[in-house]
PDB file of N, CA and C in Angstrom:
ATOM      1  N   MET A   1      79.956 125.336 120.641  1.00  0.00           N
ATOM      2  CA  MET A   1      80.309 124.166 119.983  1.00  0.00           C
ATOM      3  C   MET A   1      79.528 123.558 118.880  1.00  0.00           C
ATOM      4  N   GLY A   2      79.603 123.519 117.762  1.00  0.00           N
ATOM      5  CA  GLY A   2      79.014 123.413 116.730  1.00  0.00           C
ATOM      6  C   GLY A   2      79.291 121.767 116.234  1.00  0.00           C
ATOM      7  N   PHE A   3      78.124 121.309 115.285  1.00  0.00           N
ATOM      8  CA  PHE A   3      78.162 120.078 114.916  1.00  0.00           C
ATOM      9  C   PHE A   3      79.237 119.973 113.353  1.00  0.00           C
ATOM     10  N   ARG A   4      79.487 119.176 112.938  1.00  0.00           N
ATOM     11  CA  ARG A   4      80.157 119.029 111.847  1.00  0.00           C
ATOM     12  C   ARG A   4      79.672 117.808 111.197  1.00  0.00           C
ATOM     13  N   LEU A   5      78.303 118.234 110.702  1.00  0.00           N
ATOM     14  CA  LEU A   5      77.598 117.630 109.827  1.00  0.00           C
ATOM     15  C   LEU A   5      78.029 117.156 108.571  1.00  0.00           C
ATOM     16  N   PRO A   6      78.753 118.061 108.034  1.00  0.00           N
ATOM     17  CA  PRO A   6      79.486 117.390 106.714  1.00  0.00           C
ATOM     18  C   PRO A   6      80.105 116.453 106.824  1.00  0.00           C
ATOM     19  N   ALA A   7      81.038 116.718 108.073  1.00  0.00           N
ATOM     20  CA  ALA A   7      82.004 115.521 108.199  1.00  0.00           C
ATOM     21  C   ALA A   7      81.578 114.467 108.563  1.00  0.00           C
ATOM     22  N   ILE A   8      80.349 114.181 109.121  1.00  0.00           N
ATOM     23  CA  ILE A   8      79.660 112.880 109.778  1.00  0.00           C
ATOM     24  C   ILE A   8      79.044 112.467 108.213  1.00  0.00           C
ATOM     25  N   VAL A   9      78.361 113.176 107.445  1.00  0.00           N
ATOM     26  CA  VAL A   9      77.845 112.750 106.342  1.00  0.00           C
ATOM     27  C   VAL A   9      79.044 112.277 105.540  1.00  0.00           C
ATOM     28  N   ASN A  10      80.130 112.680 105.101  1.00  0.00           N
ATOM     29  CA  ASN A  10      81.100 112.398 104.282  1.00  0.00           C
ATOM     30  C   ASN A  10      81.561 110.860 105.009  1.00  0.00           C
ATOM     31  N   ALA A  11      81.939 110.914 106.043  1.00  0.00           N
ATOM     32  CA  ALA A  11      82.321 109.873 106.760  1.00  0.00           C
ATOM     33  C   ALA A  11      81.460 108.544 106.392  1.00  0.00           C
ATOM     34  N   LYS A  12      80.452 108.920 106.815  1.00  0.00           N
ATOM     35  CA  LYS A  12      79.317 107.692 106.464  1.00  0.00           C
ATOM     36  C   LYS A  12      79.032 107.290 104.991  1.00  0.00           C
ATOM     37  N   ARG A  13      79.262 108.218 104.316  1.00  0.00           N
ATOM     38  CA  ARG A  13      79.273 107.804 102.656  1.00  0.00           C
ATOM     39  C   ARG A  13      80.292 107.088 102.542  1.00  0.00           C
ATOM     40  N   SER A  14      81.609 107.439 103.172  1.00  0.00           N
ATOM     41  CA  SER A  14      82.769 106.609 102.949  1.00  0.00           C
ATOM     42  C   SER A  14      82.604 105.269 103.189  1.00  0.00           C
ATOM     43  N   LEU A  15      82.240 105.325 104.734  1.00  0.00           N
ATOM     44  CA  LEU A  15      81.991 103.886 105.244  1.00  0.00           C
ATOM     45  C   LEU A  15      81.185 102.983 104.138  1.00  0.00           C
ATOM     46  N   ILE A  16      79.891 103.512 103.857  1.00  0.00           N
ATOM     47  CA  ILE A  16      78.829 102.776 102.952  1.00  0.00           C
ATOM     48  C   ILE A  16      79.786 102.362 101.600  1.00  0.00           C
ATOM     49  N   ARG A  17      80.369 103.176 101.211  1.00  0.00           N
ATOM     50  CA  ARG A  17      81.247 103.000  99.716  1.00  0.00           C
ATOM     51  C   ARG A  17      82.033 101.550  99.946  1.00  0.00           C
ATOM     52  N   SER A  18      82.977 102.115 101.237  1.00  0.00           N
ATOM     53  CA  SER A  18      84.098 101.143 101.494  1.00  0.00           C
ATOM     54  C   SER A  18      83.375  99.941 101.968  1.00  0.00           C
ATOM     55  N   LEU A  19      82.323  99.694 102.604  1.00  0.00           N
ATOM     56  CA  LEU A  19      81.884  98.369 103.104  1.00  0.00           C
ATOM     57  C   LEU A  19      81.124  97.711 101.760  1.00  0.00           C
ATOM     58  N   SER A  20      80.460  98.302 100.763  1.00  0.00           N
ATOM     59  CA  SER A  20      79.799  97.808  99.736  1.00  0.00           C
ATOM     60  C   SER A  20      80.889  97.358  98.785  1.00  0.00           C
ATOM     61  N   MET A  21      82.007  98.030  98.704  1.00  0.00           N
ATOM     62  CA  MET A  21      83.224  97.601  97.708  1.00  0.00           C
ATOM     63  C   MET A  21      83.737  96.109  98.537  1.00  0.00           C
ATOM     64  N   SER A  22      83.872  96.397  99.592  1.00  0.00           N
ATOM     65  CA  SER A  22      84.539  95.260 100.441  1.00  0.00           C
ATOM     66  C   SER A  22      83.564  93.930 100.399  1.00  0.00           C
ATOM     67  N   SER A  23      82.209  94.135 100.290  1.00  0.00           N
ATOM     68  CA  SER A  23      81.528  92.822 100.454  1.00  0.00           C
ATOM     69  C   SER A  23      81.401  92.309  98.739  1.00  0.00           C
ATOM     70  N   GLN A  24      81.796  93.207  98.024  1.00  0.00           N
ATOM     71  CA  GLN A  24      82.132  92.498  96.560  1.00  0.00           C
ATOM     72  C   GLN A  24      83.611  91.900  96.602  1.00  0.00           C
ATOM     73  N   THR A  25      84.565  92.261  97.069  1.00  0.00           N
ATOM     74  CA  THR A  25      85.887  91.733  96.742  1.00  0.00           C
ATOM     75  C   THR A  25      86.214  90.747  97.716  1.00  0.00           C
ATOM     76  N   ALA A  26      85.448  90.772  99.065  1.00  0.00           N
ATOM     77  CA  ALA A  26      86.156  89.991 100.256  1.00  0.00           C
ATOM     78  C   ALA A  26      85.014  89.641 101.097  1.00  0.00           C
ATOM     79  N   ASP A  27      83.965  88.735 100.614  1.00  0.00           N
ATOM     80  CA  ASP A  27      82.731  88.381 101.481  1.00  0.00           C
ATOM     81  C   ASP A  27      82.917  87.609 102.435  1.00  0.00           C
ATOM     82  N   SER A  28      84.090  86.826 102.610  1.00  0.00           N
ATOM     83  CA  SER A  28      84.542  86.044 103.804  1.00  0.00           C
ATOM     84  C   SER A  28      84.822  86.933 104.951  1.00  0.00           C
ATOM     85  N   LYS A  29      85.498  88.220 104.603  1.00  0.00           N
ATOM     86  CA  LYS A  29      86.025  89.117 105.746  1.00  0.00           C
ATOM     87  C   LYS A  29      84.759  89.784 106.257  1.00  0.00           C
ATOM     88  N   THR A  30      83.630  90.103 105.545  1.00  0.00           N
ATOM     89  CA  THR A  30      82.565  91.039 105.927  1.00  0.00           C
ATOM     90  C   THR A  30      81.635  90.290 106.584  1.00  0.00           C
ATOM     91  N   LEU A  31      81.662  88.861 106.697  1.00  0.00           N
ATOM     92  CA  LEU A  31      80.826  87.955 107.495  1.00  0.00           C
ATOM     93  C   LEU A  31      80.941  87.852 108.813  1.00  0.00           C
ATOM     94  N   ASP A  32      82.238  88.478 109.105  1.00  0.00           N
ATOM     95  CA  ASP A  32      82.541  88.088 110.720  1.00  0.00           C
ATOM     96  C   ASP A  32      82.376  89.482 111.268  1.00  0.00           C
ATOM     97  N   ILE A  33      81.975  90.533 110.548  1.00  0.00           N
ATOM     98  CA  ILE A  33      81.625  91.768 111.048  1.00  0.00           C
ATOM     99  C   ILE A  33      80.162  92.017 111.674  1.00  0.00           C
ATOM    100  N   PRO A  34      79.821  92.003 113.012  1.00  0.00           N
ATOM    101  CA  PRO A  34      78.423  92.075 113.580  1.00  0.00           C
ATOM    102  C   PRO A  34      77.572  93.265 113.159  1.00  0.00           C
ATOM    103  N   LYS A  35      76.678  93.242 113.158  1.00  0.00           N
ATOM    104  CA  LYS A  35      75.856  94.592 112.567  1.00  0.00           C
ATOM    105  C   LYS A  35      76.041  95.484 113.736  1.00  0.00           C
ATOM    106  N   GLY A  36      76.159  96.716 112.969  1.00  0.00           N
ATOM    107  CA  GLY A  36      76.382  97.938 113.899  1.00  0.00           C
ATOM    108  C   GLY A  36      77.842  98.418 114.186  1.00  0.00           C
ATOM    109  N   TYR A  37      78.709  97.516 113.315  1.00  0.00           N
ATOM    110  CA  TYR A  37      80.138  97.599 113.731  1.00  0.00           C
ATOM    111  C   TYR A  37      80.717  97.674 112.426  1.00  0.00           C
ATOM    112  N   PHE A  38      81.758  98.101 112.156  1.00  0.00           N
ATOM    113  CA  PHE A  38      82.678  98.174 110.757  1.00  0.00           C
ATOM    114  C   PHE A  38      84.073  97.999 110.904  1.00  0.00           C
ATOM    115  N   ALA A  39      84.870  97.521 109.825  1.00  0.00           N
ATOM    116  CA  ALA A  39      86.442  97.272 110.026  1.00  0.00           C
ATOM    117  C   ALA A  39      87.042  98.510 109.657  1.00  0.00           C
ATOM    118  N   VAL A  40      88.252  98.496 110.138  1.00  0.00           N
ATOM    119  CA  VAL A  40      89.397  99.436 109.888  1.00  0.00           C
ATOM    120  C   VAL A  40      90.667  98.826 109.766  1.00  0.00           C
ATOM    121  N   TYR A  41      91.640  99.497 109.224  1.00  0.00           N
ATOM    122  CA  TYR A  41      92.862  98.934 109.305  1.00  0.00           C
ATOM    123  C   TYR A  41      93.929 100.138 109.872  1.00  0.00           C
ATOM    124  N   VAL A  42      94.687  99.770 110.862  1.00  0.00           N
ATOM    125  CA  VAL A  42      95.426 100.860 111.304  1.00  0.00           C
ATOM    126  C   VAL A  42      96.951 100.163 111.485  1.00  0.00           C
ATOM    127  N   GLY A  43      97.689 101.054 111.184  1.00  0.00           N
ATOM    128  CA  GLY A  43      99.300 100.771 111.484  1.00  0.00           C
ATOM    129  C   GLY A  43     100.084 101.549 110.355  1.00  0.00           C
ATOM    130  N   GLU A  44     101.358 101.663 110.761  1.00  0.00           N
ATOM    131  CA  GLU A  44     102.048 102.430 109.854  1.00  0.00           C
ATOM    132  C   GLU A  44     102.559 101.698 108.648  1.00  0.00           C
ATOM    133  N   ARG A  45     103.078 100.780 109.035  1.00  0.00           N
ATOM    134  CA  ARG A  45     103.727  99.574 107.939  1.00  0.00           C
ATOM    135  C   ARG A  45     102.646  98.518 107.881  1.00  0.00           C
ATOM    136  N   GLN A  46     102.600  97.656 108.887  1.00  0.00           N
ATOM    137  CA  GLN A  46     101.868  96.601 108.808  1.00  0.00           C
ATOM    138  C   GLN A  46     100.557  96.938 109.226  1.00  0.00           C
ATOM    139  N   LYS A  47      99.299  96.713 108.588  1.00  0.00           N
ATOM    140  CA  LYS A  47      98.100  97.421 108.865  1.00  0.00           C
ATOM    141  C   LYS A  47      97.552  95.988 109.910  1.00  0.00           C
ATOM    142  N   LYS A  48      96.726  96.217 111.008  1.00  0.00           N
ATOM    143  CA  LYS A  48      95.943  95.421 111.663  1.00  0.00           C
ATOM    144  C   LYS A  48      94.678  95.836 111.713  1.00  0.00           C
ATOM    145  N   ARG A  49      93.661  94.626 111.742  1.00  0.00           N
ATOM    146  CA  ARG A  49      92.405  95.031 111.337  1.00  0.00           C
ATOM    147  C   ARG A  49      91.832  94.936 112.837  1.00  0.00           C
ATOM    148  N   PHE A  50      90.763  96.201 112.804  1.00  0.00           N
ATOM    149  CA  PHE A  50      89.946  96.246 114.121  1.00  0.00           C
ATOM    150  C   PHE A  50      88.644  96.256 113.730  1.00  0.00           C
ATOM    151  N   VAL A  51      87.508  95.800 114.491  1.00  0.00           N
ATOM    152  CA  VAL A  51      86.258  95.973 114.271  1.00  0.00           C
ATOM    153  C   VAL A  51      85.963  96.724 115.134  1.00  0.00           C
ATOM    154  N   ILE A  52      85.113  97.704 114.973  1.00  0.00           N
ATOM    155  CA  ILE A  52      84.492  98.919 115.866  1.00  0.00           C
ATOM    156  C   ILE A  52      83.175  99.220 115.613  1.00  0.00           C
ATOM    157  N   PRO A  53      82.635  99.906 116.598  1.00  0.00           N
ATOM    158  CA  PRO A  53      81.263 100.179 116.581  1.00  0.00           C
ATOM    159  C   PRO A  53      81.005 101.629 115.861  1.00  0.00           C
ATOM    160  N   ILE A  54      79.769 101.436 115.083  1.00  0.00           N
ATOM    161  CA  ILE A  54      79.667 102.400 114.397  1.00  0.00           C
ATOM    162  C   ILE A  54      79.319 103.725 114.975  1.00  0.00           C
ATOM    163  N   SER A  55      78.814 103.665 116.389  1.00  0.00           N
ATOM    164  CA  SER A  55      78.812 104.721 117.077  1.00  0.00           C
ATOM    165  C   SER A  55      80.024 105.674 117.186  1.00  0.00           C
ATOM    166  N   TYR A  56      81.199 105.188 116.653  1.00  0.00           N
ATOM    167  CA  TYR A  56      82.629 106.020 116.959  1.00  0.00           C
ATOM    168  C   TYR A  56      82.110 107.284 115.757  1.00  0.00           C
ATOM    169  N   LEU A  57      81.542 107.005 114.825  1.00  0.00           N
ATOM    170  CA  LEU A  57      81.213 107.942 113.855  1.00  0.00           C
ATOM    171  C   LEU A  57      80.645 109.063 114.323  1.00  0.00           C
ATOM    172  N   ASN A  58      80.175 109.418 115.471  1.00  0.00           N
ATOM    173  CA  ASN A  58      79.338 110.267 116.454  1.00  0.00           C
ATOM    174  C   ASN A  58      80.753 111.218 117.130  1.00  0.00           C
ATOM    175  N   GLU A  59      82.027 110.661 117.348  1.00  0.00           N
ATOM    176  CA  GLU A  59      82.596 111.275 118.100  1.00  0.00           C
ATOM    177  C   GLU A  59      83.707 111.955 117.697  1.00  0.00           C
ATOM    178  N   PRO A  60      83.793 113.267 117.926  1.00  0.00           N
ATOM    179  CA  PRO A  60      84.630 114.381 117.057  1.00  0.00           C
ATOM    180  C   PRO A  60      86.139 113.855 117.042  1.00  0.00           C
ATOM    181  N   LEU A  61      86.654 113.076 118.027  1.00  0.00           N
ATOM    182  CA  LEU A  61      88.112 112.643 117.845  1.00  0.00           C
ATOM    183  C   LEU A  61      88.154 111.362 116.729  1.00  0.00           C
ATOM    184  N   PHE A  62      87.255 110.773 116.833  1.00  0.00           N
ATOM    185  CA  PHE A  62      87.293 109.869 115.465  1.00  0.00           C
ATOM    186  C   PHE A  62      87.080 110.300 114.307  1.00  0.00           C
ATOM    187  N   LEU A  63      86.325 111.286 114.085  1.00  0.00           N
ATOM    188  CA  LEU A  63      86.003 111.988 112.873  1.00  0.00           C
ATOM    189  C   LEU A  63      87.322 112.658 112.587  1.00  0.00           C
ATOM    190  N   ASP A  64      87.886 113.171 113.618  1.00  0.00           N
ATOM    191  CA  ASP A  64      89.297 114.002 113.166  1.00  0.00           C
ATOM    192  C   ASP A  64      90.291 113.151 112.551  1.00  0.00           C
ATOM    193  N   LEU A  65      90.281 111.635 113.304  1.00  0.00           N
ATOM    194  CA  LEU A  65      91.290 110.715 112.603  1.00  0.00           C
ATOM    195  C   LEU A  65      90.831 110.222 111.068  1.00  0.00           C
ATOM    196  N   LEU A  66      89.464 110.086 110.906  1.00  0.00           N
ATOM    197  CA  LEU A  66      88.817 109.720 109.637  1.00  0.00           C
ATOM    198  C   LEU A  66      89.021 110.915 108.688  1.00  0.00           C
ATOM    199  N   SER A  67      89.170 112.346 108.844  1.00  0.00           N
ATOM    200  CA  SER A  67      89.635 113.299 108.113  1.00  0.00           C
ATOM    201  C   SER A  67      91.089 113.042 107.723  1.00  0.00           C
ATOM    202  N   GLN A  68      92.075 112.916 108.502  1.00  0.00           N
ATOM    203  CA  GLN A  68      93.436 112.457 108.353  1.00  0.00           C
ATOM    204  C   GLN A  68      93.329 111.314 107.441  1.00  0.00           C
ATOM    205  N   ALA A  69      92.798 110.383 107.517  1.00  0.00           N
ATOM    206  CA  ALA A  69      92.579 108.827 106.886  1.00  0.00           C
ATOM    207  C   ALA A  69      92.268 109.370 105.294  1.00  0.00           C
ATOM    208  N   GLU A  70      91.268 110.317 105.280  1.00  0.00           N
ATOM    209  CA  GLU A  70      90.948 110.903 103.835  1.00  0.00           C
ATOM    210  C   GLU A  70      91.966 111.613 102.985  1.00  0.00           C
ATOM    211  N   GLU A  71      92.460 112.559 103.830  1.00  0.00           N
ATOM    212  CA  GLU A  71      93.651 113.336 103.402  1.00  0.00           C
ATOM    213  C   GLU A  71      94.800 112.629 102.866  1.00  0.00           C
ATOM    214  N   GLU A  72      94.949 111.221 103.503  1.00  0.00           N
ATOM    215  CA  GLU A  72      96.120 110.437 103.100  1.00  0.00           C
ATOM    216  C   GLU A  72      95.840 109.402 102.165  1.00  0.00           C
ATOM    217  N   PHE A  73      94.710 108.689 102.078  1.00  0.00           N
ATOM    218  CA  PHE A  73      94.290 107.943 101.234  1.00  0.00           C
ATOM    219  C   PHE A  73      93.187 107.870 100.498  1.00  0.00           C
ATOM    220  N   GLY A  74      92.344 109.008 100.545  1.00  0.00           N
ATOM    221  CA  GLY A  74      91.213 109.421  99.727  1.00  0.00           C
ATOM    222  C   GLY A  74      90.202 108.532 100.102  1.00  0.00           C
ATOM    223  N   TYR A  75      89.310 108.104  99.086  1.00  0.00           N
ATOM    224  CA  TYR A  75      88.277 107.133  99.441  1.00  0.00           C
ATOM    225  C   TYR A  75      88.873 105.664  98.788  1.00  0.00           C
ATOM    226  N   ASP A  76      89.579 105.479  98.399  1.00  0.00           N
ATOM    227  CA  ASP A  76      90.054 104.258  97.675  1.00  0.00           C
ATOM    228  C   ASP A  76      90.859 102.995  99.100  1.00  0.00           C
ATOM    229  N   HIS A  77      90.101 102.335  99.352  1.00  0.00           N
ATOM    230  CA  HIS A  77      90.620 101.414 100.503  1.00  0.00           C
ATOM    231  C   HIS A  77      90.602 100.200  99.992  1.00  0.00           C
ATOM    232  N   PRO A  78      91.838  99.813  99.371  1.00  0.00           N
ATOM    233  CA  PRO A  78      91.688  98.315  98.757  1.00  0.00           C
ATOM    234  C   PRO A  78      91.944  97.227  99.552  1.00  0.00           C
ATOM    235  N   MET A  79      92.086  97.468 101.001  1.00  0.00           N
ATOM    236  CA  MET A  79      91.992  96.343 101.961  1.00  0.00           C
ATOM    237  C   MET A  79      90.395  95.886 102.534  1.00  0.00           C
ATOM    238  N   GLY A  80      89.622  96.646 102.065  1.00  0.00           N
ATOM    239  CA  GLY A  80      88.081  96.428 102.182  1.00  0.00           C
ATOM    240  C   GLY A  80      87.499  97.248 103.234  1.00  0.00           C
ATOM    241  N   GLY A  81      88.139  97.741 104.392  1.00  0.00           N
ATOM    242  CA  GLY A  81      87.728  98.372 105.171  1.00  0.00           C
ATOM    243  C   GLY A  81      88.532  99.823 105.191  1.00  0.00           C
ATOM    244  N   ILE A  82      88.472 100.780 106.191  1.00  0.00           N
ATOM    245  CA  ILE A  82      89.033 102.005 106.137  1.00  0.00           C
ATOM    246  C   ILE A  82      90.310 102.056 106.738  1.00  0.00           C
ATOM    247  N   THR A  83      91.165 102.587 105.915  1.00  0.00           N
ATOM    248  CA  THR A  83      92.618 102.589 106.476  1.00  0.00           C
ATOM    249  C   THR A  83      92.996 103.984 107.208  1.00  0.00           C
ATOM    250  N   ILE A  84      93.404 103.535 108.278  1.00  0.00           N
ATOM    251  CA  ILE A  84      93.628 104.702 109.487  1.00  0.00           C
ATOM    252  C   ILE A  84      95.094 105.038 109.513  1.00  0.00           C
ATOM    253  N   PRO A  85      95.623 106.136 109.041  1.00  0.00           N
ATOM    254  CA  PRO A  85      97.246 106.584 109.406  1.00  0.00           C
ATOM    255  C   PRO A  85      97.817 106.699 110.302  1.00  0.00           C
ATOM    256  N   CYS A  86      97.751 106.055 111.532  1.00  0.00           N
ATOM    257  CA  CYS A  86      98.300 106.294 112.884  1.00  0.00           C
ATOM    258  C   CYS A  86      98.879 104.920 113.390  1.00  0.00           C
ATOM    259  N   SER A  87      99.614 104.899 114.768  1.00  0.00           N
ATOM    260  CA  SER A  87     100.433 103.934 114.863  1.00  0.00           C
ATOM    261  C   SER A  87      99.149 103.043 115.464  1.00  0.00           C
ATOM    262  N   GLU A  88      99.074 101.905 115.887  1.00  0.00           N
ATOM    263  CA  GLU A  88      98.215 100.998 116.690  1.00  0.00           C
ATOM    264  C   GLU A  88      98.083 101.378 118.209  1.00  0.00           C
ATOM    265  N   ASN A  89      99.138 101.816 118.752  1.00  0.00           N
ATOM    266  CA  ASN A  89      99.282 102.328 119.940  1.00  0.00           C
ATOM    267  C   ASN A  89      98.265 103.776 120.262  1.00  0.00           C
ATOM    268  N   THR A  90      98.674 104.679 119.329  1.00  0.00           N
ATOM    269  CA  THR A  90      97.837 105.738 119.121  1.00  0.00           C
ATOM    270  C   THR A  90      96.255 105.445 118.936  1.00  0.00           C
ATOM    271  N   PHE A  91      96.028 104.654 117.948  1.00  0.00           N
ATOM    272  CA  PHE A  91      94.628 104.084 117.563  1.00  0.00           C
ATOM    273  C   PHE A  91      94.012 103.777 119.056  1.00  0.00           C
ATOM    274  N   LEU A  92      94.599 102.896 119.671  1.00  0.00           N
ATOM    275  CA  LEU A  92      94.016 102.218 120.948  1.00  0.00           C
ATOM    276  C   LEU A  92      93.769 102.921 122.093  1.00  0.00           C
ATOM    277  N   ASP A  93      94.677 104.089 122.318  1.00  0.00           N
ATOM    278  CA  ASP A  93      94.539 105.128 122.968  1.00  0.00           C
ATOM    279  C   ASP A  93      93.352 105.978 122.768  1.00  0.00           C
ATOM    280  N   LEU A  94      93.213 106.180 121.480  1.00  0.00           N
ATOM    281  CA  LEU A  94      91.988 107.276 121.169  1.00  0.00           C
ATOM    282  C   LEU A  94      90.874 106.474 121.330  1.00  0.00           C
ATOM    283  N   THR A  95      90.790 105.230 120.853  1.00  0.00           N
ATOM    284  CA  THR A  95      89.225 104.387 121.357  1.00  0.00           C
ATOM    285  C   THR A  95      88.914 104.046 122.619  1.00  0.00           C
ATOM    286  N   SER A  96      90.055 103.973 123.475  1.00  0.00           N
ATOM    287  CA  SER A  96      89.940 103.942 124.803  1.00  0.00           C
ATOM    288  C   SER A  96      89.179 105.056 125.425  1.00  0.00           C
ATOM    289  N   ARG A  97      89.271 106.164 124.990  1.00  0.00           N
ATOM    290  CA  ARG A  97      88.796 107.332 125.493  1.00  0.00           C
ATOM    291  C   ARG A  97      87.327 107.608 125.126  1.00  0.00           C
ATOM    292  N   LEU A  98      86.898 107.081 123.866  1.00  0.00           N
ATOM    293  CA  LEU A  98      85.608 107.152 123.348  1.00  0.00           C
ATOM    294  C   LEU A  98      84.462 106.443 124.313  1.00  0.00           C
ATOM    295  N   SER A  99      83.183 107.034 124.181  1.00  0.00           N
ATOM    296  CA  SER A  99      82.101 106.051 124.767  1.00  0.00           C
ATOM    297  C   SER A  99      81.586 105.156 123.398  1.00  0.00           C
ATOM    298  N   VAL A 100      81.212 104.257 124.019  1.00  0.00           N
ATOM    299  CA  VAL A 100      80.508 103.195 122.940  1.00  0.00           C
ATOM    300  C   VAL A 100      78.972 103.662 122.838  1.00  0.00           C
TER     301      VAL A 100
END
């Protein structure tokens, strides 16, 4: 089993870029994100905001989800956080299986 370091590096760059852009456009939303966490928007039609630990960036299941988000949305996340293209139930099921 190998490490997917390029995927982790790209995900972290995307996260940093997304968070820096969101702080410029939506300071009030970023104030309620604790240190060590980041916001993602999940849903197929209506997006729901989740604040999740940065440690998820080390989880292969979550990295696969980020790859799908990159394929569908690229690096432009107008809502400020990363937009993840799956149902809320799928996201909750996946994150419940991750270690924090």
